[in-house]
Amino acid sequence: MSTIQLTKTPSGNTRTIVATWPGLANGDDGEPIKFSQYADKSVQVTGIFGSGGALLIEGSNNGTDWAPLSDPQGNELNFAMAKIEMVTEATLYVRPRVTGGDGTTNLSVILLMKE
C-alpha cells in the first residue's frame, strides 16, 4: 500500500549503521536500503502483528526483482512474532514487506549492518 521511508542512524561505531522502518502496516513495504559494504546484518521486528500479521525481509541485486532472505539455518526471514534474526545473504538492496495482518498491524523493523 505505502512505501515507508527509512531512517539511518549512526551507531556510535564507524563500522556499523542502523536502519529503521517505523509504522509498517498490512501491505506496506520499506524503502530499500543500499549498503552492500555491510556484510553482516541482523534484523529485529517489534510491534503489533494483528490477526495473521507477517513481515518478510527481502533482498535484491537490481532493485526491481525481490526474493526472501534467510537466516543461517536456511529459513525464510518471515516474522509472525517479535524477534531478532541474522541475515545470511549479501545483497545490494534490503527491504521489509508486510505480507499479512489487519487494521491493527503496526510493525517496526530495525536492521543493524556491520562491515
C-alpha atoms as a PDB file:
ATOM      1  CA  MET A   1       0.000   0.000   0.000  1.00  0.00           C
ATOM      2  CA  SER A   2       2.650   2.527   1.118  1.00  0.00           C
ATOM      3  CA  THR A   3       6.411   2.606   0.952  1.00  0.00           C
ATOM      4  CA  ILE A   4       7.688   3.602   4.393  1.00  0.00           C
ATOM      5  CA  GLN A   5      10.796   5.790   4.437  1.00  0.00           C
ATOM      6  CA  LEU A   6      13.773   4.525   6.378  1.00  0.00           C
ATOM      7  CA  THR A   7      15.876   6.363   8.911  1.00  0.00           C
ATOM      8  CA  LYS A   8      19.647   5.760   9.009  1.00  0.00           C
ATOM      9  CA  THR A   9      21.263   6.266  12.403  1.00  0.00           C
ATOM     10  CA  PRO A  10      24.951   6.073  13.249  1.00  0.00           C
ATOM     11  CA  SER A  11      25.527   3.506  15.974  1.00  0.00           C
ATOM     12  CA  GLY A  12      28.483   5.285  17.551  1.00  0.00           C
ATOM     13  CA  ASN A  13      30.816   2.822  15.862  1.00  0.00           C
ATOM     14  CA  THR A  14      32.294   3.657  12.445  1.00  0.00           C
ATOM     15  CA  ARG A  15      31.884   0.052  11.315  1.00  0.00           C
ATOM     16  CA  THR A  16      28.124  -0.242  11.919  1.00  0.00           C
ATOM     17  CA  ILE A  17      24.931   1.579  10.972  1.00  0.00           C
ATOM     18  CA  VAL A  18      21.288   1.124  11.944  1.00  0.00           C
ATOM     19  CA  ALA A  19      18.339   1.424   9.540  1.00  0.00           C
ATOM     20  CA  THR A  20      14.812   1.720  10.973  1.00  0.00           C
ATOM     21  CA  TRP A  21      11.419   1.476   9.283  1.00  0.00           C
ATOM     22  CA  PRO A  22       8.668   2.504  11.762  1.00  0.00           C
ATOM     23  CA  GLY A  23       4.904   2.122  11.459  1.00  0.00           C
ATOM     24  CA  LEU A  24       4.636  -0.609   8.814  1.00  0.00           C
ATOM     25  CA  ALA A  25       1.001  -1.618   8.266  1.00  0.00           C
ATOM     26  CA  ASN A  26      -0.544  -4.507   6.338  1.00  0.00           C
ATOM     27  CA  GLY A  27       0.526  -4.235   2.686  1.00  0.00           C
ATOM     28  CA  ASP A  28       3.354  -1.742   3.305  1.00  0.00           C
ATOM     29  CA  ASP A  29       6.921  -2.179   2.221  1.00  0.00           C
ATOM     30  CA  GLY A  30      10.007  -0.323   3.327  1.00  0.00           C
ATOM     31  CA  GLU A  31      12.187   1.953   1.253  1.00  0.00           C
ATOM     32  CA  PRO A  32      15.092  -0.268   0.116  1.00  0.00           C
ATOM     33  CA  ILE A  33      18.449   0.372   1.736  1.00  0.00           C
ATOM     34  CA  LYS A  34      21.587   0.090  -0.373  1.00  0.00           C
ATOM     35  CA  PHE A  35      24.675  -0.569   1.737  1.00  0.00           C
ATOM     36  CA  SER A  36      26.395  -3.608   0.235  1.00  0.00           C
ATOM     37  CA  GLN A  37      29.673  -2.953   2.094  1.00  0.00           C
ATOM     38  CA  TYR A  38      27.939  -4.131   5.280  1.00  0.00           C
ATOM     39  CA  ALA A  39      28.203  -7.918   5.016  1.00  0.00           C
ATOM     40  CA  ASP A  40      26.927  -8.807   8.497  1.00  0.00           C
ATOM     41  CA  LYS A  41      23.285  -7.957   9.208  1.00  0.00           C
ATOM     42  CA  SER A  42      20.762  -8.681  11.935  1.00  0.00           C
ATOM     43  CA  VAL A  43      17.123  -7.674  11.822  1.00  0.00           C
ATOM     44  CA  GLN A  44      14.717  -7.037  14.693  1.00  0.00           C
ATOM     45  CA  VAL A  45      10.955  -6.810  14.261  1.00  0.00           C
ATOM     46  CA  THR A  46       8.759  -5.331  17.003  1.00  0.00           C
ATOM     47  CA  GLY A  47       5.219  -4.047  17.344  1.00  0.00           C
ATOM     48  CA  ILE A  48       1.664  -5.232  16.883  1.00  0.00           C
ATOM     49  CA  PHE A  49       1.241  -8.016  14.323  1.00  0.00           C
ATOM     50  CA  GLY A  50      -2.567  -8.133  14.469  1.00  0.00           C
ATOM     51  CA  SER A  51      -4.548 -11.085  13.184  1.00  0.00           C
ATOM     52  CA  GLY A  52      -2.459 -13.012  10.646  1.00  0.00           C
ATOM     53  CA  GLY A  53       0.354 -10.442  10.770  1.00  0.00           C
ATOM     54  CA  ALA A  54       3.535 -11.365   8.919  1.00  0.00           C
ATOM     55  CA  LEU A  55       6.594  -9.475   7.749  1.00  0.00           C
ATOM     56  CA  LEU A  56       9.132 -10.681   5.188  1.00  0.00           C
ATOM     57  CA  ILE A  57      12.716  -9.440   4.776  1.00  0.00           C
ATOM     58  CA  GLU A  58      13.621  -9.317   1.096  1.00  0.00           C
ATOM     59  CA  GLY A  59      16.775  -8.695  -0.903  1.00  0.00           C
ATOM     60  CA  SER A  60      17.576  -7.687  -4.463  1.00  0.00           C
ATOM     61  CA  ASN A  61      20.686  -7.107  -6.554  1.00  0.00           C
ATOM     62  CA  ASN A  62      18.920  -4.934  -9.154  1.00  0.00           C
ATOM     63  CA  GLY A  63      16.353  -3.064  -7.034  1.00  0.00           C
ATOM     64  CA  THR A  64      13.461  -4.457  -9.094  1.00  0.00           C
ATOM     65  CA  ASP A  65      13.255  -8.204  -8.528  1.00  0.00           C
ATOM     66  CA  TRP A  66      12.880  -9.185  -4.862  1.00  0.00           C
ATOM     67  CA  ALA A  67      13.354 -12.529  -3.105  1.00  0.00           C
ATOM     68  CA  PRO A  68      13.063 -13.595   0.534  1.00  0.00           C
ATOM     69  CA  LEU A  69      16.281 -13.543   2.545  1.00  0.00           C
ATOM     70  CA  SER A  70      17.078 -16.285   5.046  1.00  0.00           C
ATOM     71  CA  ASP A  71      18.580 -16.906   8.469  1.00  0.00           C
ATOM     72  CA  PRO A  72      21.735 -19.036   8.973  1.00  0.00           C
ATOM     73  CA  GLN A  73      19.586 -22.201   9.208  1.00  0.00           C
ATOM     74  CA  GLY A  74      18.127 -21.557   5.735  1.00  0.00           C
ATOM     75  CA  ASN A  75      14.687 -20.434   6.947  1.00  0.00           C
ATOM     76  CA  GLU A  76      12.996 -17.506   5.216  1.00  0.00           C
ATOM     77  CA  LEU A  77      13.040 -14.327   7.289  1.00  0.00           C
ATOM     78  CA  ASN A  78       9.262 -14.354   7.621  1.00  0.00           C
ATOM     79  CA  PHE A  79       8.304 -12.878  11.003  1.00  0.00           C
ATOM     80  CA  ALA A  80       4.985 -13.719  12.691  1.00  0.00           C
ATOM     81  CA  MET A  81       6.166 -12.510  16.103  1.00  0.00           C
ATOM     82  CA  ALA A  82       8.712 -10.108  17.542  1.00  0.00           C
ATOM     83  CA  LYS A  83      12.293 -11.411  17.431  1.00  0.00           C
ATOM     84  CA  ILE A  84      15.843 -10.832  16.150  1.00  0.00           C
ATOM     85  CA  GLU A  85      17.477 -12.884  13.400  1.00  0.00           C
ATOM     86  CA  MET A  86      20.735 -12.833  11.446  1.00  0.00           C
ATOM     87  CA  VAL A  87      20.576 -12.308   7.659  1.00  0.00           C
ATOM     88  CA  THR A  88      22.602 -14.816   5.628  1.00  0.00           C
ATOM     89  CA  GLU A  89      22.693 -13.377   2.105  1.00  0.00           C
ATOM     90  CA  ALA A  90      24.720 -10.370   0.994  1.00  0.00           C
ATOM     91  CA  THR A  91      22.552  -8.397  -1.441  1.00  0.00           C
ATOM     92  CA  LEU A  92      22.824  -4.895  -2.862  1.00  0.00           C
ATOM     93  CA  TYR A  93      19.380  -3.883  -1.500  1.00  0.00           C
ATOM     94  CA  VAL A  94      17.354  -4.958   1.556  1.00  0.00           C
ATOM     95  CA  ARG A  95      13.771  -4.061   2.471  1.00  0.00           C
ATOM     96  CA  PRO A  96      10.957  -5.238   4.766  1.00  0.00           C
ATOM     97  CA  ARG A  97       7.484  -6.042   3.397  1.00  0.00           C
ATOM     98  CA  VAL A  98       4.336  -6.705   5.425  1.00  0.00           C
ATOM     99  CA  THR A  99       2.561  -9.675   3.830  1.00  0.00           C
ATOM    100  CA  GLY A 100      -0.353 -10.108   6.247  1.00  0.00           C
ATOM    101  CA  GLY A 101      -2.245  -8.544   9.086  1.00  0.00           C
ATOM    102  CA  ASP A 102      -5.295  -6.470   9.872  1.00  0.00           C
ATOM    103  CA  GLY A 103      -6.153  -2.875  10.747  1.00  0.00           C
ATOM    104  CA  THR A 104      -4.160  -3.075  13.990  1.00  0.00           C
ATOM    105  CA  THR A 105      -0.901  -4.210  12.360  1.00  0.00           C
ATOM    106  CA  ASN A 106       1.838  -1.701  13.244  1.00  0.00           C
ATOM    107  CA  LEU A 107       5.400  -3.024  12.969  1.00  0.00           C
ATOM    108  CA  SER A 108       8.865  -1.549  13.252  1.00  0.00           C
ATOM    109  CA  VAL A 109      11.958  -3.068  11.684  1.00  0.00           C
ATOM    110  CA  ILE A 110      15.480  -2.328  12.891  1.00  0.00           C
ATOM    111  CA  LEU A 111      18.359  -3.526  10.713  1.00  0.00           C
ATOM    112  CA  LEU A 112      21.887  -3.470  12.139  1.00  0.00           C
ATOM    113  CA  MET A 113      24.598  -3.631   9.479  1.00  0.00           C
ATOM    114  CA  LYS A 114      28.281  -4.232  10.222  1.00  0.00           C
ATOM    115  CA  GLU A 115      31.316  -4.103   7.933  1.00  0.00           C
END
